[in-house]
Amino acid sequence: MIQKQETATAKLERDKIGSLLLHYSVPAIVGMVVASLYNIVDRVFIGQGVGPLAISGLALTFPLMTLIAAIGTLVGVGASARLSIVLGMKDIKWARNILGNAFILTFVLSAVFITIAMIYLPEILVAFGGSEQTIPYAIDYLKIVIPGSVLTNVSYSFSGMMRASGYPQKSMYTILIGVVLNVILDPIFIFGFGLGIQGAAIATVISMFVSAVFVMSHFFNPKHVVHFEKGCMHLRGYIIRNITSIGMAPFLMNVAACGVNIIMNHQLVRQGGDLAIGAYGILNSYAILIVMSVMGLCQGMQPIVGYNYGAQKYKRMKDTLLLTLRVGTLIMVIGFVVCELFPGLLVSAFTSDPGLKSMAVKGIRLAFIMLPVVGFQIIISNFFQSISKAPKAIFMSLSRQVIFLIPSLYLFSKWFGLTGVWLSIPFSDLLAALVALILILREKRFFYPSQQQRA
């Protein structure tokens, strides 16, 4: 089994780039898309079974759900990227220590988040732009989901490390098991037991528990090269720094997204009332679904780029990036076409309310105008993460969310009302893509590092 594991990682520096990207990215894409279905399935059942204001209440939870994702990405992305690099360096002991430290870090950070969120939940939701009509729905959902968020972080973080250590298909199954179970349990708890939005939350937590048990059983199995062993959970400062320095970019991106979401909620309520938050919830559901497809592609790219970076095979690293960019752009173009041509059909899955439907259709058409260039920005940012160039990845993440989106959100909403809120999204997407282009063009010398380059 150990020999099989070593062969799996060694393929990262020998096999054809196209077949490797296909092998690693397809399970990752399926896993990420399926993972995004957790909240989408909840919204569909809640929208059809509870009502339009319940969708707005669930959309109000986005900032807190984003913070949960921030913890998962801080540990998961950071540990996975570092794991790929040290496996490329053939340092198995270091890889196991990364695994153990990531385990402790996940539980510590989750405990801090859960404690603060549960103590100040009503005040937090008011700050997020909630009203007397929407906050009760949000509380019913979050008081169950937040305590279970540690399971979410375990599932996400360790499925990424499973993929980085040579098991992309098993990583996909980790997420797939949870989502399939969630789809089955949602109608049972929402309609069968009559629990409404609380039923959706219970179904989500149970599903995440099963996923967490599945992924952890893999790493507690000593037959796998990267597994928990005695002493690996002793916290080591350099490993924590390794993990957090790489994971800081997606962490800050999610924290920034949380802040933007809060500002967005206030502007939406001001310009369109409570239903506007629901419209954004529907729009965001499809945005997440499309973006997660490219994020899955990036996760497939990450172990190939990271391993070959560690092995100093820079040409393979560059070829992987270029192929990922082509595929990612294609995915975004397909998403753009579907959203622009069939927005009414997409919105109908969530609601039959005419006011909410009209608002959401307009939002989708305007917000997704620049979708074809979004994939480029995401892939370049993830590339810098994969090769430990965290500062550039952080800057790229913050440029879209903070430097471009927040000012344009205030200005455009002031000039054009609710239409301006929607238009601020593609405007910031375009500027962020231009920044990504400038940064990657400045890396020419890195791709051809003179005598050290190897095929």
Protein backbone atom coordinates (compact mmCIF):
# COMPACT_ATOMS: atom_id res chain seq x y z
CA MET A 1 0.00 0.00 0.00
CA ILE A 2 2.85 2.38 0.84
CA GLN A 3 4.57 1.59 -2.46
CA LYS A 4 1.26 2.31 -4.24
CA GLN A 5 1.04 5.69 -2.48
CA GLU A 6 4.59 6.61 -3.46
CA THR A 7 3.86 5.67 -7.07
CA ALA A 8 0.73 7.85 -7.06
CA THR A 9 2.64 10.95 -5.97
CA ALA A 10 5.60 10.21 -8.26
CA LYS A 11 3.23 10.31 -11.25
CA LEU A 12 2.89 14.04 -10.61
CA GLU A 13 6.34 14.58 -12.11
CA ARG A 14 6.12 11.97 -14.90
CA ASP A 15 2.64 11.59 -16.40
CA LYS A 16 1.17 13.82 -19.11
CA ILE A 17 -0.17 17.12 -17.79
CA GLY A 18 -3.55 16.69 -19.49
CA SER A 19 -4.21 13.27 -18.00
CA LEU A 20 -2.98 14.39 -14.58
CA LEU A 21 -5.21 17.47 -14.56
CA LEU A 22 -8.14 15.32 -15.65
CA HIS A 23 -7.38 12.74 -12.98
CA TYR A 24 -7.10 15.28 -10.17
CA SER A 25 -9.53 17.98 -11.23
CA VAL A 26 -12.61 15.94 -12.21
CA PRO A 27 -13.06 14.50 -8.70
CA ALA A 28 -12.24 17.93 -7.23
CA ILE A 29 -14.77 19.69 -9.49
CA VAL A 30 -17.43 17.13 -8.65
CA GLY A 31 -16.57 17.52 -4.96
CA MET A 32 -16.70 21.33 -5.01
CA VAL A 33 -19.89 21.50 -7.07
CA VAL A 34 -21.52 18.91 -4.88
CA ALA A 35 -20.33 20.78 -1.76
CA SER A 36 -21.97 23.96 -3.04
CA LEU A 37 -25.21 22.02 -3.33
CA TYR A 38 -25.42 21.82 0.48
CA ASN A 39 -26.79 25.35 0.80
CA ILE A 40 -28.46 25.39 -2.62
CA VAL A 41 -30.54 22.32 -1.78
CA ASP A 42 -31.52 23.93 1.52
CA ARG A 43 -32.61 27.12 -0.28
CA VAL A 44 -34.63 25.25 -2.89
CA PHE A 45 -36.56 23.23 -0.31
CA ILE A 46 -36.98 26.22 2.01
CA GLY A 47 -38.08 28.53 -0.81
CA GLN A 48 -40.66 26.07 -2.08
CA GLY A 49 -41.78 24.81 1.33
CA VAL A 50 -41.54 27.84 3.66
CA GLY A 51 -41.71 30.99 1.51
CA PRO A 52 -39.82 33.95 -0.04
CA LEU A 53 -38.98 35.60 3.30
CA ALA A 54 -37.41 32.35 4.46
CA ILE A 55 -35.04 32.57 1.47
CA SER A 56 -34.15 36.09 2.57
CA GLY A 57 -33.58 34.82 6.11
CA LEU A 58 -31.32 32.08 4.83
CA ALA A 59 -29.45 34.58 2.62
CA LEU A 60 -28.89 36.63 5.77
CA THR A 61 -26.72 33.76 7.05
CA PHE A 62 -24.25 34.11 4.15
CA PRO A 63 -21.67 36.21 6.06
CA LEU A 64 -21.46 33.72 8.93
CA MET A 65 -21.37 30.76 6.56
CA THR A 66 -18.56 32.54 4.72
CA LEU A 67 -16.62 32.87 7.98
CA ILE A 68 -17.03 29.12 8.53
CA ALA A 69 -15.60 28.59 5.05
CA ALA A 70 -12.76 31.00 5.90
CA ILE A 71 -11.56 28.74 8.71
CA GLY A 72 -11.83 25.70 6.44
CA THR A 73 -9.78 27.34 3.70
CA LEU A 74 -7.17 28.77 6.09
CA VAL A 75 -6.32 25.27 7.29
CA GLY A 76 -7.41 23.16 4.31
CA VAL A 77 -5.85 25.13 1.46
CA GLY A 78 -2.71 25.96 3.44
CA ALA A 79 -2.11 22.40 4.62
CA SER A 80 -2.93 20.85 1.23
CA ALA A 81 -0.57 23.15 -0.68
CA ARG A 82 2.25 22.61 1.82
CA LEU A 83 1.60 18.85 1.80
CA SER A 84 2.04 18.72 -1.99
CA ILE A 85 5.30 20.63 -1.80
CA VAL A 86 6.87 18.46 0.94
CA LEU A 87 5.74 15.29 -0.82
CA GLY A 88 7.56 16.60 -3.89
CA MET A 89 10.59 16.96 -1.61
CA LYS A 90 10.05 13.31 -0.48
CA ASP A 91 9.76 14.38 3.20
CA ILE A 92 7.08 11.98 4.56
CA LYS A 93 7.73 12.85 8.23
CA TRP A 94 7.07 16.52 7.56
CA ALA A 95 3.88 15.61 5.68
CA ARG A 96 2.55 13.64 8.66
CA ASN A 97 3.34 16.50 11.02
CA ILE A 98 1.43 18.88 8.75
CA LEU A 99 -1.55 16.53 9.00
CA GLY A 100 -1.48 16.43 12.80
CA ASN A 101 -1.01 20.17 13.22
CA ALA A 102 -3.85 20.85 10.79
CA PHE A 103 -6.12 18.64 12.91
CA ILE A 104 -5.43 20.61 16.11
CA LEU A 105 -5.63 23.96 14.33
CA THR A 106 -9.04 23.10 12.85
CA PHE A 107 -10.56 22.32 16.24
CA VAL A 108 -9.04 25.32 18.03
CA LEU A 109 -10.17 27.84 15.42
CA SER A 110 -13.62 26.25 15.14
CA ALA A 111 -14.09 26.38 18.92
CA VAL A 112 -13.26 30.09 19.02
CA PHE A 113 -15.64 30.85 16.16
CA ILE A 114 -18.52 28.79 17.57
CA THR A 115 -18.24 30.39 21.03
CA ILE A 116 -18.26 33.99 19.77
CA ALA A 117 -20.98 33.40 17.15
CA MET A 118 -23.39 31.69 19.54
CA ILE A 119 -23.00 34.32 22.28
CA TYR A 120 -23.62 37.30 20.00
CA LEU A 121 -25.85 35.73 17.31
CA PRO A 122 -28.87 38.15 17.49
CA GLU A 123 -26.61 41.22 17.54
CA ILE A 124 -24.56 39.84 14.65
CA LEU A 125 -27.65 39.32 12.49
CA VAL A 126 -28.84 42.87 13.14
CA ALA A 127 -25.43 44.12 12.04
CA PHE A 128 -25.74 41.96 8.93
CA GLY A 129 -28.81 43.89 7.82
CA GLY A 130 -31.51 41.62 9.22
CA SER A 131 -35.03 42.79 10.02
CA GLU A 132 -37.77 41.57 12.35
CA GLN A 133 -39.12 39.53 9.43
CA THR A 134 -35.90 37.78 8.42
CA ILE A 135 -33.86 37.38 11.64
CA PRO A 136 -36.08 34.65 13.18
CA TYR A 137 -35.52 32.42 10.14
CA ALA A 138 -31.76 33.02 10.28
CA ILE A 139 -31.57 32.21 14.02
CA ASP A 140 -33.55 28.98 13.60
CA TYR A 141 -31.03 27.85 11.00
CA LEU A 142 -27.78 29.08 12.54
CA LYS A 143 -28.34 27.91 16.11
CA ILE A 144 -28.05 24.37 14.73
CA VAL A 145 -25.54 24.84 11.90
CA ILE A 146 -22.96 26.91 13.82
CA PRO A 147 -22.21 24.26 16.50
CA GLY A 148 -21.86 21.73 13.69
CA SER A 149 -19.46 23.95 11.75
CA VAL A 150 -16.46 22.05 13.14
CA LEU A 151 -17.67 19.06 11.11
CA THR A 152 -17.84 21.26 8.01
CA ASN A 153 -14.25 22.37 8.52
CA VAL A 154 -12.98 18.84 9.12
CA SER A 155 -14.69 17.59 5.95
CA TYR A 156 -13.39 20.42 3.79
CA SER A 157 -9.86 20.67 5.18
CA PHE A 158 -9.05 16.98 5.22
CA SER A 159 -10.68 16.14 1.91
CA GLY A 160 -8.21 18.62 0.40
CA MET A 161 -5.30 16.91 2.13
CA MET A 162 -6.62 13.55 0.98
CA ARG A 163 -6.50 14.80 -2.61
CA ALA A 164 -3.02 16.33 -2.16
CA SER A 165 -1.68 13.02 -0.83
CA GLY A 166 -2.78 11.11 -3.93
CA TYR A 167 -6.46 10.19 -3.42
CA PRO A 168 -8.53 12.60 -5.56
CA GLN A 169 -11.45 10.21 -6.09
CA LYS A 170 -11.73 9.37 -2.41
CA SER A 171 -11.67 13.11 -1.67
CA MET A 172 -14.63 13.50 -4.00
CA TYR A 173 -16.51 10.73 -2.20
CA THR A 174 -16.04 12.56 1.11
CA ILE A 175 -18.15 15.48 -0.12
CA LEU A 176 -20.44 13.41 -2.33
CA ILE A 177 -21.55 11.21 0.57
CA GLY A 178 -22.58 14.24 2.61
CA VAL A 179 -24.49 15.99 -0.16
CA VAL A 180 -26.40 12.90 -1.27
CA LEU A 181 -27.40 12.31 2.34
CA ASN A 182 -28.41 15.98 2.67
CA VAL A 183 -30.65 15.77 -0.40
CA ILE A 184 -32.33 12.70 1.11
CA LEU A 185 -32.72 14.14 4.61
CA ASP A 186 -33.85 17.68 3.67
CA PRO A 187 -37.41 16.80 2.57
CA ILE A 188 -37.74 14.30 5.42
CA PHE A 189 -36.94 16.87 8.11
CA ILE A 190 -38.51 19.91 6.40
CA PHE A 191 -41.76 18.34 5.19
CA GLY A 192 -42.02 14.92 6.82
CA PHE A 193 -41.27 16.11 10.37
CA GLY A 194 -42.62 19.63 9.72
CA LEU A 195 -39.47 21.30 11.08
CA GLY A 196 -39.14 23.91 8.32
CA ILE A 197 -35.84 25.78 8.24
CA GLN A 198 -34.63 23.98 11.39
CA GLY A 199 -35.09 20.69 9.56
CA ALA A 200 -32.76 21.89 6.80
CA ALA A 201 -30.13 22.74 9.40
CA ILE A 202 -30.42 19.34 11.12
CA ALA A 203 -30.10 17.55 7.78
CA THR A 204 -26.96 19.54 6.96
CA VAL A 205 -25.24 18.78 10.28
CA ILE A 206 -26.01 15.06 10.09
CA SER A 207 -24.64 14.94 6.55
CA MET A 208 -21.45 16.74 7.54
CA PHE A 209 -20.95 14.37 10.47
CA VAL A 210 -20.99 11.37 8.12
CA SER A 211 -18.52 13.08 5.75
CA ALA A 212 -16.19 13.94 8.63
CA VAL A 213 -16.18 10.34 9.90
CA PHE A 214 -15.40 9.06 6.39
CA VAL A 215 -12.44 11.37 5.78
CA MET A 216 -10.93 10.92 9.23
CA SER A 217 -11.10 7.12 8.94
CA HIS A 218 -8.74 7.45 5.96
CA PHE A 219 -6.05 9.36 7.87
CA PHE A 220 -6.25 7.15 10.96
CA ASN A 221 -5.42 4.17 8.73
CA PRO A 222 -1.66 3.44 9.03
CA LYS A 223 -1.67 1.72 5.62
CA HIS A 224 -1.59 5.17 4.00
CA VAL A 225 1.75 6.97 3.84
CA VAL A 226 0.25 10.24 5.06
CA HIS A 227 -1.53 9.27 8.27
CA PHE A 228 -1.75 10.24 11.93
CA GLU A 229 1.13 8.88 13.96
CA LYS A 230 2.43 9.32 17.48
CA GLY A 231 3.82 12.79 18.01
CA CYS A 232 2.41 14.33 14.80
CA MET A 233 -0.11 16.41 16.76
CA HIS A 234 2.52 18.24 18.78
CA LEU A 235 2.12 21.84 17.66
CA ARG A 236 5.15 23.14 15.81
CA GLY A 237 5.44 26.85 15.15
CA TYR A 238 7.08 26.52 11.75
CA ILE A 239 4.34 24.14 10.52
CA ILE A 240 1.57 26.43 11.77
CA ARG A 241 3.28 29.29 9.94
CA ASN A 242 3.62 27.11 6.82
CA ILE A 243 -0.10 26.35 6.86
CA THR A 244 -1.40 29.81 7.72
CA SER A 245 0.92 31.72 5.39
CA ILE A 246 -0.40 29.84 2.35
CA GLY A 247 -3.98 29.59 3.63
CA MET A 248 -4.09 33.28 4.52
CA ALA A 249 -5.00 34.32 0.96
CA PRO A 250 -8.26 32.33 0.73
CA PHE A 251 -8.94 33.08 4.42
CA LEU A 252 -8.74 36.83 3.85
CA MET A 253 -10.74 36.42 0.66
CA ASN A 254 -13.54 34.81 2.65
CA VAL A 255 -13.31 37.38 5.46
CA ALA A 256 -13.44 40.14 2.86
CA ALA A 257 -16.40 38.39 1.21
CA CYS A 258 -18.12 38.38 4.60
CA GLY A 259 -17.59 42.13 4.97
CA VAL A 260 -18.75 42.77 1.41
CA ASN A 261 -21.81 40.61 2.03
CA ILE A 262 -22.75 42.70 5.06
CA ILE A 263 -22.40 45.91 3.06
CA MET A 264 -24.28 44.28 0.20
CA ASN A 265 -27.17 43.31 2.51
CA HIS A 266 -27.54 46.88 3.77
CA GLN A 267 -27.52 48.29 0.24
CA LEU A 268 -30.00 45.66 -0.94
CA VAL A 269 -32.44 46.40 1.89
CA ARG A 270 -32.06 50.13 1.30
CA GLN A 271 -32.65 49.86 -2.45
CA GLY A 272 -35.08 46.92 -2.70
CA GLY A 273 -36.31 45.80 0.75
CA ASP A 274 -36.09 42.34 2.34
CA LEU A 275 -36.90 40.56 -0.92
CA ALA A 276 -33.77 42.03 -2.51
CA ILE A 277 -31.66 40.01 -0.06
CA GLY A 278 -33.57 36.92 -1.19
CA ALA A 279 -32.86 37.81 -4.82
CA TYR A 280 -29.18 38.09 -4.02
CA GLY A 281 -29.37 34.72 -2.26
CA ILE A 282 -30.67 33.11 -5.45
CA LEU A 283 -28.10 34.91 -7.61
CA ASN A 284 -25.31 33.93 -5.22
CA SER A 285 -26.40 30.29 -5.33
CA TYR A 286 -25.64 30.07 -9.03
CA ALA A 287 -22.51 32.21 -8.71
CA ILE A 288 -21.16 29.80 -6.10
CA LEU A 289 -22.07 26.80 -8.26
CA ILE A 290 -20.13 28.17 -11.25
CA VAL A 291 -17.19 29.49 -9.24
CA MET A 292 -16.88 26.22 -7.33
CA SER A 293 -16.44 24.43 -10.66
CA VAL A 294 -13.33 26.51 -11.32
CA MET A 295 -12.22 26.19 -7.70
CA GLY A 296 -12.40 22.42 -8.15
CA LEU A 297 -10.26 22.76 -11.25
CA CYS A 298 -7.79 24.80 -9.19
CA GLN A 299 -7.72 22.11 -6.53
CA GLY A 300 -6.87 19.62 -9.25
CA MET A 301 -4.11 21.95 -10.44
CA GLN A 302 -2.70 22.55 -6.95
CA PRO A 303 -1.03 19.17 -6.22
CA ILE A 304 0.48 19.06 -9.74
CA VAL A 305 1.86 22.60 -9.51
CA GLY A 306 2.94 22.25 -5.86
CA TYR A 307 4.68 18.91 -6.36
CA ASN A 308 6.56 20.04 -9.47
CA TYR A 309 7.48 23.33 -7.80
CA GLY A 310 8.97 21.33 -4.91
CA ALA A 311 10.74 19.06 -7.42
CA GLN A 312 11.98 22.14 -9.42
CA LYS A 313 10.25 20.97 -12.61
CA TYR A 314 9.17 24.45 -13.65
CA LYS A 315 8.15 23.74 -17.24
CA ARG A 316 5.57 21.18 -16.08
CA MET A 317 4.33 23.73 -13.59
CA LYS A 318 3.87 26.35 -16.32
CA ASP A 319 2.17 23.92 -18.71
CA THR A 320 -0.26 22.94 -15.96
CA LEU A 321 -1.17 26.58 -15.37
CA LEU A 322 -1.79 27.29 -19.06
CA LEU A 323 -4.01 24.24 -19.50
CA THR A 324 -5.95 25.12 -16.34
CA LEU A 325 -6.54 28.64 -17.65
CA ARG A 326 -7.99 27.32 -20.91
CA VAL A 327 -10.34 24.89 -19.21
CA GLY A 328 -11.37 27.40 -16.53
CA THR A 329 -12.27 30.03 -19.10
CA LEU A 330 -14.39 27.51 -20.99
CA ILE A 331 -16.30 26.65 -17.81
CA MET A 332 -17.00 30.32 -17.12
CA VAL A 333 -18.16 31.00 -20.68
CA ILE A 334 -20.64 28.11 -20.46
CA GLY A 335 -21.92 29.44 -17.12
CA PHE A 336 -22.27 32.92 -18.60
CA VAL A 337 -24.32 31.68 -21.57
CA VAL A 338 -26.69 29.64 -19.39
CA CYS A 339 -27.28 32.46 -16.90
CA GLU A 340 -27.87 35.09 -19.59
CA LEU A 341 -30.21 32.96 -21.72
CA PHE A 342 -32.22 31.11 -19.05
CA PRO A 343 -32.35 33.25 -15.87
CA GLY A 344 -36.10 32.79 -15.44
CA LEU A 345 -35.78 29.02 -15.49
CA LEU A 346 -32.97 29.13 -12.94
CA VAL A 347 -34.90 31.37 -10.54
CA SER A 348 -38.03 29.21 -10.80
CA ALA A 349 -36.22 26.42 -8.96
CA PHE A 350 -36.24 28.59 -5.82
CA THR A 351 -39.49 30.52 -5.90
CA SER A 352 -42.76 31.18 -7.68
CA ASP A 353 -43.23 34.58 -6.01
CA PRO A 354 -43.48 37.08 -8.93
CA GLY A 355 -41.79 39.99 -7.11
CA LEU A 356 -38.81 37.96 -5.98
CA LYS A 357 -38.57 36.21 -9.32
CA SER A 358 -38.47 39.44 -11.33
CA MET A 359 -35.84 40.96 -9.05
CA ALA A 360 -33.62 37.87 -9.17
CA VAL A 361 -33.80 37.50 -12.98
CA LYS A 362 -32.62 41.08 -13.48
CA GLY A 363 -29.86 40.59 -10.91
CA ILE A 364 -28.52 37.46 -12.60
CA ARG A 365 -28.41 39.08 -16.04
CA LEU A 366 -26.54 42.17 -14.82
CA ALA A 367 -24.23 40.62 -12.21
CA PHE A 368 -22.88 37.91 -14.53
CA ILE A 369 -21.90 40.14 -17.47
CA MET A 370 -18.17 39.70 -16.78
CA LEU A 371 -18.33 36.05 -15.76
CA PRO A 372 -16.00 34.87 -18.62
CA VAL A 373 -12.99 36.69 -17.07
CA VAL A 374 -13.64 35.61 -13.47
CA GLY A 375 -12.04 32.19 -13.97
CA PHE A 376 -8.74 33.78 -15.04
CA GLN A 377 -8.49 35.76 -11.80
CA ILE A 378 -9.38 32.78 -9.60
CA ILE A 379 -6.86 30.46 -11.27
CA ILE A 380 -3.96 32.94 -11.10
CA SER A 381 -4.65 33.57 -7.41
CA ASN A 382 -4.70 29.83 -6.70
CA PHE A 383 -1.51 29.35 -8.70
CA PHE A 384 0.33 31.81 -6.45
CA GLN A 385 -1.02 29.96 -3.40
CA SER A 386 0.23 26.65 -4.79
CA ILE A 387 3.81 27.91 -5.11
CA SER A 388 3.85 29.63 -1.69
CA LYS A 389 3.69 33.18 -3.09
CA ALA A 390 1.06 34.09 -0.52
CA PRO A 391 1.41 37.92 -0.59
CA LYS A 392 0.45 38.09 -4.26
CA ALA A 393 -2.47 35.73 -3.76
CA ILE A 394 -3.65 37.80 -0.80
CA PHE A 395 -3.39 41.04 -2.75
CA MET A 396 -5.35 39.56 -5.65
CA SER A 397 -8.06 38.30 -3.32
CA LEU A 398 -8.43 41.62 -1.54
CA SER A 399 -8.27 43.70 -4.73
CA ARG A 400 -11.60 42.41 -5.96
CA GLN A 401 -13.42 42.20 -2.64
CA VAL A 402 -12.15 45.36 -0.93
CA ILE A 403 -10.33 47.71 -3.28
CA PHE A 404 -12.78 47.44 -6.19
CA LEU A 405 -16.13 46.03 -5.05
CA ILE A 406 -16.84 48.06 -1.91
CA PRO A 407 -16.28 51.53 -3.46
CA SER A 408 -18.17 50.61 -6.64
CA LEU A 409 -21.01 49.18 -4.54
CA TYR A 410 -21.50 52.48 -2.72
CA LEU A 411 -21.11 54.64 -5.83
CA PHE A 412 -23.16 52.55 -8.26
CA SER A 413 -26.05 52.05 -5.80
CA LYS A 414 -26.12 55.80 -5.19
CA TRP A 415 -26.26 56.52 -8.92
CA PHE A 416 -28.44 53.67 -10.19
CA GLY A 417 -30.27 52.22 -7.16
CA LEU A 418 -30.73 48.44 -7.06
CA THR A 419 -29.46 48.19 -10.65
CA GLY A 420 -26.21 49.77 -9.47
CA VAL A 421 -25.83 47.11 -6.77
CA TRP A 422 -25.93 44.41 -9.46
CA LEU A 423 -23.57 46.34 -11.79
CA SER A 424 -20.90 46.80 -9.12
CA ILE A 425 -20.22 43.04 -9.26
CA PRO A 426 -19.08 42.76 -12.92
CA PHE A 427 -17.22 46.06 -12.68
CA SER A 428 -15.01 44.75 -9.85
CA ASP A 429 -14.62 41.41 -11.66
CA LEU A 430 -13.16 43.15 -14.70
CA LEU A 431 -10.68 45.24 -12.70
CA ALA A 432 -9.57 42.21 -10.66
CA ALA A 433 -8.93 40.22 -13.85
CA LEU A 434 -6.73 43.04 -15.16
CA VAL A 435 -4.71 43.00 -11.93
CA ALA A 436 -4.26 39.23 -12.26
CA LEU A 437 -3.03 39.66 -15.84
CA ILE A 438 -0.45 42.25 -14.79
CA LEU A 439 0.87 40.11 -11.93
CA ILE A 440 1.24 36.91 -13.95
CA LEU A 441 2.94 38.73 -16.84
CA ARG A 442 5.56 39.93 -14.37
CA GLU A 443 6.43 36.32 -13.51
CA LYS A 444 8.22 35.52 -16.80
CA ARG A 445 11.59 35.13 -15.14
CA PHE A 446 10.10 32.74 -12.60
CA PHE A 447 8.87 30.43 -15.36
CA TYR A 448 12.33 30.30 -16.88
CA PRO A 449 14.79 30.28 -13.93
CA SER A 450 17.92 29.82 -16.11
CA GLN A 451 19.99 26.72 -15.52
CA GLN A 452 17.78 25.12 -12.85
CA GLN A 453 14.80 24.54 -15.07
CA ARG A 454 13.99 20.92 -15.79
CA ALA A 455 11.35 19.43 -18.03
